[in-house]
């Protein structure tokens, strides 16, 4: 019998798009942004942005409209993806989130608060990739289903100042990809806990 239902527990579903910029191919990332639009999680729905860049003086900044969600993402997911983003001693700034565009041309995410206006934009978007990694892949406790829309070009700005660098090539198996992807229809799963 063919099984179509994954037996794992769904922990979160939504979007987790990212921008990682470097000065050159193979160089260190000078900007890292992890943007979440969550439809379902144990901490409820909402948005969060985890960011470090020369625009933040290379410090980690966290923005959210649901602090409980931001903390949950730090502890359960970001701790696997980029451990520096998992530091719960970092304050979370209240923000409003808005999306504009069409994935066939560009997508812009705007994060706004009392004294900041942040934009993340992806464009020159490649053919989407459907990705599935089971729990245990690369030693991770969780697995993931997602659809990546890699972007050859992306930019990030804070209050009109633009981060330097550009996305770099980051192919997935035999498919072209980059270090800046819209990651939509993303669901993280794990084996049921007893």
Foldseek 3Di string as FASTA:
>chain_A
DDDDDDQWAWAWWWWWFWAFFDADAPGHTQKIKTKTATCDHPQHTWIKIWIAHVVVVRDIAMEIQRVSVLQVCLVQPCCVVPVVSNPPVHDYHYWDWDWDDDLVAKIWIWTDDDQKIKIKMAGQWDDKDWDWDQQCVVHHQKIKTWIKTAGQFMWMDMPPHTGDGTWYWDDDVPHTHTNGITIGRMIITHHDDD
